């Protein structure tokens, strides 16, 4: 995709099948991708999200998911790639790699510090997203957990 991606319409988060040894089942994943993008109304897809068990994937596996996706359906629909890492610097590296590989947009998950149940300052949240934004020119979508769950933060930070 060559234009700046603006999220709109139906954007499903795809599933990621695993084999009995908990390796990525590439054949089943490719089939799933084709089924999803051929569904009427789907405007783009999200990969490496919760529905893909991204929290259990190492960085190489996250990259493999992106590579398979781009090979199978890249250019058919825009690809939103989830960025899941413990720290902001690691997330920035993943963001840059996703952009270089051909992702159209990034879904940024909160860093591990947001899951510690601690009180954090506005500057911490802004710094996390700024670090990632400085590593890429792709549009960013912030994944925000509810405040009541202990991992959320006030979205007023971004206004």
C-alpha atoms as a PDB file:
ATOM      1  CA  UNK A   1       0.000   0.000   0.000  1.00  0.00           C
ATOM      2  CA  UNK A   2       1.418   3.377  -0.912  1.00  0.00           C
ATOM      3  CA  UNK A   3      -0.991   5.884   0.669  1.00  0.00           C
ATOM      4  CA  UNK A   4      -1.001   6.719   4.351  1.00  0.00           C
ATOM      5  CA  UNK A   5      -3.386   4.265   5.956  1.00  0.00           C
ATOM      6  CA  UNK A   6      -6.403   5.671   7.771  1.00  0.00           C
ATOM      7  CA  UNK A   7      -8.208   2.999   9.814  1.00  0.00           C
ATOM      8  CA  UNK A   8     -11.891   2.653   8.957  1.00  0.00           C
ATOM      9  CA  UNK A   9     -14.424  -0.044   8.249  1.00  0.00           C
ATOM     10  CA  UNK A  10     -14.255  -3.678   9.303  1.00  0.00           C
ATOM     11  CA  UNK A  11     -10.810  -4.572  10.642  1.00  0.00           C
ATOM     12  CA  UNK A  12     -10.744  -8.072  12.132  1.00  0.00           C
ATOM     13  CA  UNK A  13      -7.920  -9.284  14.306  1.00  0.00           C
ATOM     14  CA  UNK A  14      -6.899 -12.580  12.754  1.00  0.00           C
ATOM     15  CA  UNK A  15      -6.289 -15.815  14.618  1.00  0.00           C
ATOM     16  CA  UNK A  16      -2.973 -17.641  14.637  1.00  0.00           C
ATOM     17  CA  UNK A  17      -3.193 -21.430  14.507  1.00  0.00           C
ATOM     18  CA  UNK A  18      -0.535 -23.583  16.150  1.00  0.00           C
ATOM     19  CA  UNK A  19       0.366 -27.226  15.604  1.00  0.00           C
ATOM     20  CA  UNK A  20       0.508 -29.829  18.370  1.00  0.00           C
ATOM     21  CA  UNK A  21       4.093 -28.769  19.210  1.00  0.00           C
ATOM     22  CA  UNK A  22       2.939 -25.132  19.605  1.00  0.00           C
ATOM     23  CA  UNK A  23       4.707 -24.004  16.460  1.00  0.00           C
ATOM     24  CA  UNK A  24       2.976 -21.673  14.030  1.00  0.00           C
ATOM     25  CA  UNK A  25       0.873 -23.744  11.637  1.00  0.00           C
ATOM     26  CA  UNK A  26       1.816 -21.839   8.508  1.00  0.00           C
ATOM     27  CA  UNK A  27      -0.481 -23.682   6.116  1.00  0.00           C
ATOM     28  CA  UNK A  28      -3.546 -23.211   8.326  1.00  0.00           C
ATOM     29  CA  UNK A  29      -2.605 -19.557   8.922  1.00  0.00           C
ATOM     30  CA  UNK A  30      -2.319 -18.848   5.203  1.00  0.00           C
ATOM     31  CA  UNK A  31      -5.719 -20.450   4.618  1.00  0.00           C
ATOM     32  CA  UNK A  32      -7.235 -18.376   7.432  1.00  0.00           C
ATOM     33  CA  UNK A  33      -5.766 -15.172   5.981  1.00  0.00           C
ATOM     34  CA  UNK A  34      -7.254 -15.896   2.562  1.00  0.00           C
ATOM     35  CA  UNK A  35     -10.648 -16.621   4.123  1.00  0.00           C
ATOM     36  CA  UNK A  36     -10.596 -13.390   6.121  1.00  0.00           C
ATOM     37  CA  UNK A  37      -9.554 -11.046   3.301  1.00  0.00           C
ATOM     38  CA  UNK A  38     -12.096 -12.630   0.970  1.00  0.00           C
ATOM     39  CA  UNK A  39     -14.909 -11.889   3.413  1.00  0.00           C
ATOM     40  CA  UNK A  40     -17.158  -9.125   2.098  1.00  0.00           C
ATOM     41  CA  UNK A  41     -16.689  -5.882   3.988  1.00  0.00           C
ATOM     42  CA  UNK A  42     -13.214  -6.531   5.402  1.00  0.00           C
ATOM     43  CA  UNK A  43     -11.172  -3.371   4.822  1.00  0.00           C
ATOM     44  CA  UNK A  44      -7.894  -4.359   6.510  1.00  0.00           C
ATOM     45  CA  UNK A  45      -6.632  -6.903   9.047  1.00  0.00           C
ATOM     46  CA  UNK A  46      -4.799  -6.828  12.353  1.00  0.00           C
ATOM     47  CA  UNK A  47      -2.055  -9.347  13.054  1.00  0.00           C
ATOM     48  CA  UNK A  48       0.093  -9.965  16.125  1.00  0.00           C
ATOM     49  CA  UNK A  49      -2.735  -9.024  18.459  1.00  0.00           C
ATOM     50  CA  UNK A  50      -4.350 -10.807  21.377  1.00  0.00           C
ATOM     51  CA  UNK A  51      -6.250 -13.096  19.012  1.00  0.00           C
ATOM     52  CA  UNK A  52      -2.853 -14.199  17.670  1.00  0.00           C
ATOM     53  CA  UNK A  53      -1.536 -15.000  21.159  1.00  0.00           C
ATOM     54  CA  UNK A  54       1.154 -12.365  20.546  1.00  0.00           C
ATOM     55  CA  UNK A  55       2.094 -12.420  24.230  1.00  0.00           C
ATOM     56  CA  UNK A  56       3.414 -15.970  23.758  1.00  0.00           C
ATOM     57  CA  UNK A  57       5.427 -15.201  20.606  1.00  0.00           C
ATOM     58  CA  UNK A  58       9.089 -14.277  20.654  1.00  0.00           C
ATOM     59  CA  UNK A  59      10.338 -11.514  18.367  1.00  0.00           C
ATOM     60  CA  UNK A  60      11.325 -13.943  15.607  1.00  0.00           C
ATOM     61  CA  UNK A  61       7.859 -15.491  15.658  1.00  0.00           C
ATOM     62  CA  UNK A  62       6.214 -12.061  15.565  1.00  0.00           C
ATOM     63  CA  UNK A  63       8.316 -11.260  12.502  1.00  0.00           C
ATOM     64  CA  UNK A  64       7.463 -14.611  10.924  1.00  0.00           C
ATOM     65  CA  UNK A  65       3.735 -13.861  11.311  1.00  0.00           C
ATOM     66  CA  UNK A  66       4.230 -10.518   9.560  1.00  0.00           C
ATOM     67  CA  UNK A  67       6.306 -12.069   6.782  1.00  0.00           C
ATOM     68  CA  UNK A  68       3.760 -14.820   6.133  1.00  0.00           C
ATOM     69  CA  UNK A  69       0.922 -12.290   6.174  1.00  0.00           C
ATOM     70  CA  UNK A  70       2.630  -9.956   3.731  1.00  0.00           C
ATOM     71  CA  UNK A  71       3.505 -12.847   1.448  1.00  0.00           C
ATOM     72  CA  UNK A  72      -0.035 -14.216   1.469  1.00  0.00           C
ATOM     73  CA  UNK A  73      -2.237 -11.097   1.457  1.00  0.00           C
ATOM     74  CA  UNK A  74       0.066  -8.084   1.323  1.00  0.00           C
ATOM     75  CA  UNK A  75      -1.269  -5.579  -1.177  1.00  0.00           C
ATOM     76  CA  UNK A  76      -4.769  -7.064  -0.962  1.00  0.00           C
ATOM     77  CA  UNK A  77      -5.745  -5.221   2.229  1.00  0.00           C
ATOM     78  CA  UNK A  78      -3.745  -2.963   4.548  1.00  0.00           C
ATOM     79  CA  UNK A  79      -1.960  -4.787   7.361  1.00  0.00           C
ATOM     80  CA  UNK A  80      -2.067  -3.456  10.930  1.00  0.00           C
ATOM     81  CA  UNK A  81       0.761  -5.087  12.853  1.00  0.00           C
ATOM     82  CA  UNK A  82       0.583  -5.377  16.628  1.00  0.00           C
ATOM     83  CA  UNK A  83       3.696  -4.274  18.517  1.00  0.00           C
ATOM     84  CA  UNK A  84       4.062  -6.194  21.759  1.00  0.00           C
ATOM     85  CA  UNK A  85       7.239  -5.913  23.828  1.00  0.00           C
ATOM     86  CA  UNK A  86       8.180  -5.490  27.464  1.00  0.00           C
ATOM     87  CA  UNK A  87       9.908  -2.182  26.957  1.00  0.00           C
ATOM     88  CA  UNK A  88       9.630   0.911  24.803  1.00  0.00           C
ATOM     89  CA  UNK A  89      13.009   0.442  23.119  1.00  0.00           C
ATOM     90  CA  UNK A  90      12.188  -3.145  22.176  1.00  0.00           C
ATOM     91  CA  UNK A  91       8.815  -1.999  20.858  1.00  0.00           C
ATOM     92  CA  UNK A  92      10.523   0.709  18.796  1.00  0.00           C
ATOM     93  CA  UNK A  93      12.796  -1.894  17.179  1.00  0.00           C
ATOM     94  CA  UNK A  94       9.774  -4.056  16.334  1.00  0.00           C
ATOM     95  CA  UNK A  95       7.946  -1.015  14.941  1.00  0.00           C
ATOM     96  CA  UNK A  96      10.835  -0.123  12.642  1.00  0.00           C
ATOM     97  CA  UNK A  97      11.136  -3.739  11.490  1.00  0.00           C
ATOM     98  CA  UNK A  98       7.400  -3.879  10.757  1.00  0.00           C
ATOM     99  CA  UNK A  99       7.582  -0.687   8.727  1.00  0.00           C
ATOM    100  CA  UNK A 100      10.616  -1.895   6.783  1.00  0.00           C
ATOM    101  CA  UNK A 101       8.878  -5.194   6.046  1.00  0.00           C
ATOM    102  CA  UNK A 102       5.767  -3.505   4.652  1.00  0.00           C
ATOM    103  CA  UNK A 103       3.159  -3.097   7.410  1.00  0.00           C
ATOM    104  CA  UNK A 104       0.711  -0.239   6.852  1.00  0.00           C
ATOM    105  CA  UNK A 105      -0.098   0.687  10.449  1.00  0.00           C
ATOM    106  CA  UNK A 106       0.898  -0.338  13.982  1.00  0.00           C
ATOM    107  CA  UNK A 107      -1.231  -1.348  16.959  1.00  0.00           C
ATOM    108  CA  UNK A 108       0.827  -0.440  20.023  1.00  0.00           C
ATOM    109  CA  UNK A 109       0.300  -2.462  23.193  1.00  0.00           C
ATOM    110  CA  UNK A 110       1.265  -0.954  26.559  1.00  0.00           C
ATOM    111  CA  UNK A 111       4.725  -1.864  27.834  1.00  0.00           C
ATOM    112  CA  UNK A 112       5.163  -4.238  30.763  1.00  0.00           C
ATOM    113  CA  UNK A 113       5.468  -1.344  33.204  1.00  0.00           C
ATOM    114  CA  UNK A 114       1.761  -0.697  32.690  1.00  0.00           C
ATOM    115  CA  UNK A 115       0.914  -4.179  33.975  1.00  0.00           C
ATOM    116  CA  UNK A 116       2.644  -3.824  37.325  1.00  0.00           C
ATOM    117  CA  UNK A 117      -0.378  -2.259  38.971  1.00  0.00           C
ATOM    118  CA  UNK A 118       1.655   0.768  39.896  1.00  0.00           C
ATOM    119  CA  UNK A 119       0.696   4.382  39.714  1.00  0.00           C
ATOM    120  CA  UNK A 120       2.535   5.867  36.770  1.00  0.00           C
ATOM    121  CA  UNK A 121       2.882   9.365  35.574  1.00  0.00           C
ATOM    122  CA  UNK A 122       1.573  10.849  32.372  1.00  0.00           C
ATOM    123  CA  UNK A 123       5.161  11.314  31.160  1.00  0.00           C
ATOM    124  CA  UNK A 124       5.738   7.532  31.265  1.00  0.00           C
ATOM    125  CA  UNK A 125       2.817   6.840  28.955  1.00  0.00           C
ATOM    126  CA  UNK A 126       3.738   9.647  26.567  1.00  0.00           C
ATOM    127  CA  UNK A 127       7.386   8.543  26.545  1.00  0.00           C
ATOM    128  CA  UNK A 128       6.422   4.971  25.597  1.00  0.00           C
ATOM    129  CA  UNK A 129       4.462   6.108  22.555  1.00  0.00           C
ATOM    130  CA  UNK A 130       6.955   8.827  21.632  1.00  0.00           C
ATOM    131  CA  UNK A 131       9.830   6.314  21.607  1.00  0.00           C
ATOM    132  CA  UNK A 132       7.906   4.121  19.201  1.00  0.00           C
ATOM    133  CA  UNK A 133       6.671   7.023  17.051  1.00  0.00           C
ATOM    134  CA  UNK A 134      10.218   8.294  16.612  1.00  0.00           C
ATOM    135  CA  UNK A 135      11.238   4.897  15.190  1.00  0.00           C
ATOM    136  CA  UNK A 136       8.607   4.784  12.449  1.00  0.00           C
ATOM    137  CA  UNK A 137       6.579   6.932  10.101  1.00  0.00           C
ATOM    138  CA  UNK A 138       3.601   4.557  10.181  1.00  0.00           C
ATOM    139  CA  UNK A 139       0.290   5.557  11.769  1.00  0.00           C
ATOM    140  CA  UNK A 140      -0.099   4.302  15.355  1.00  0.00           C
ATOM    141  CA  UNK A 141      -3.162   2.944  17.107  1.00  0.00           C
ATOM    142  CA  UNK A 142      -2.942   2.822  20.909  1.00  0.00           C
ATOM    143  CA  UNK A 143      -4.304  -0.343  22.479  1.00  0.00           C
ATOM    144  CA  UNK A 144      -5.805   0.801  25.764  1.00  0.00           C
ATOM    145  CA  UNK A 145      -6.893  -1.516  28.562  1.00  0.00           C
ATOM    146  CA  UNK A 146      -9.690  -0.419  30.909  1.00  0.00           C
ATOM    147  CA  UNK A 147      -8.527   1.550  33.940  1.00  0.00           C
ATOM    148  CA  UNK A 148     -10.295  -0.864  36.288  1.00  0.00           C
ATOM    149  CA  UNK A 149      -8.103  -3.761  35.148  1.00  0.00           C
ATOM    150  CA  UNK A 150      -4.904  -2.198  36.441  1.00  0.00           C
ATOM    151  CA  UNK A 151      -3.162  -1.988  33.060  1.00  0.00           C
ATOM    152  CA  UNK A 152      -5.018   0.988  31.664  1.00  0.00           C
ATOM    153  CA  UNK A 153      -4.185   4.660  31.670  1.00  0.00           C
ATOM    154  CA  UNK A 154      -6.195   7.792  31.201  1.00  0.00           C
ATOM    155  CA  UNK A 155      -6.641   8.527  27.496  1.00  0.00           C
ATOM    156  CA  UNK A 156      -6.804  12.219  28.376  1.00  0.00           C
ATOM    157  CA  UNK A 157      -2.997  11.957  28.179  1.00  0.00           C
ATOM    158  CA  UNK A 158      -3.277  12.080  24.393  1.00  0.00           C
ATOM    159  CA  UNK A 159      -5.524  15.119  24.040  1.00  0.00           C
END
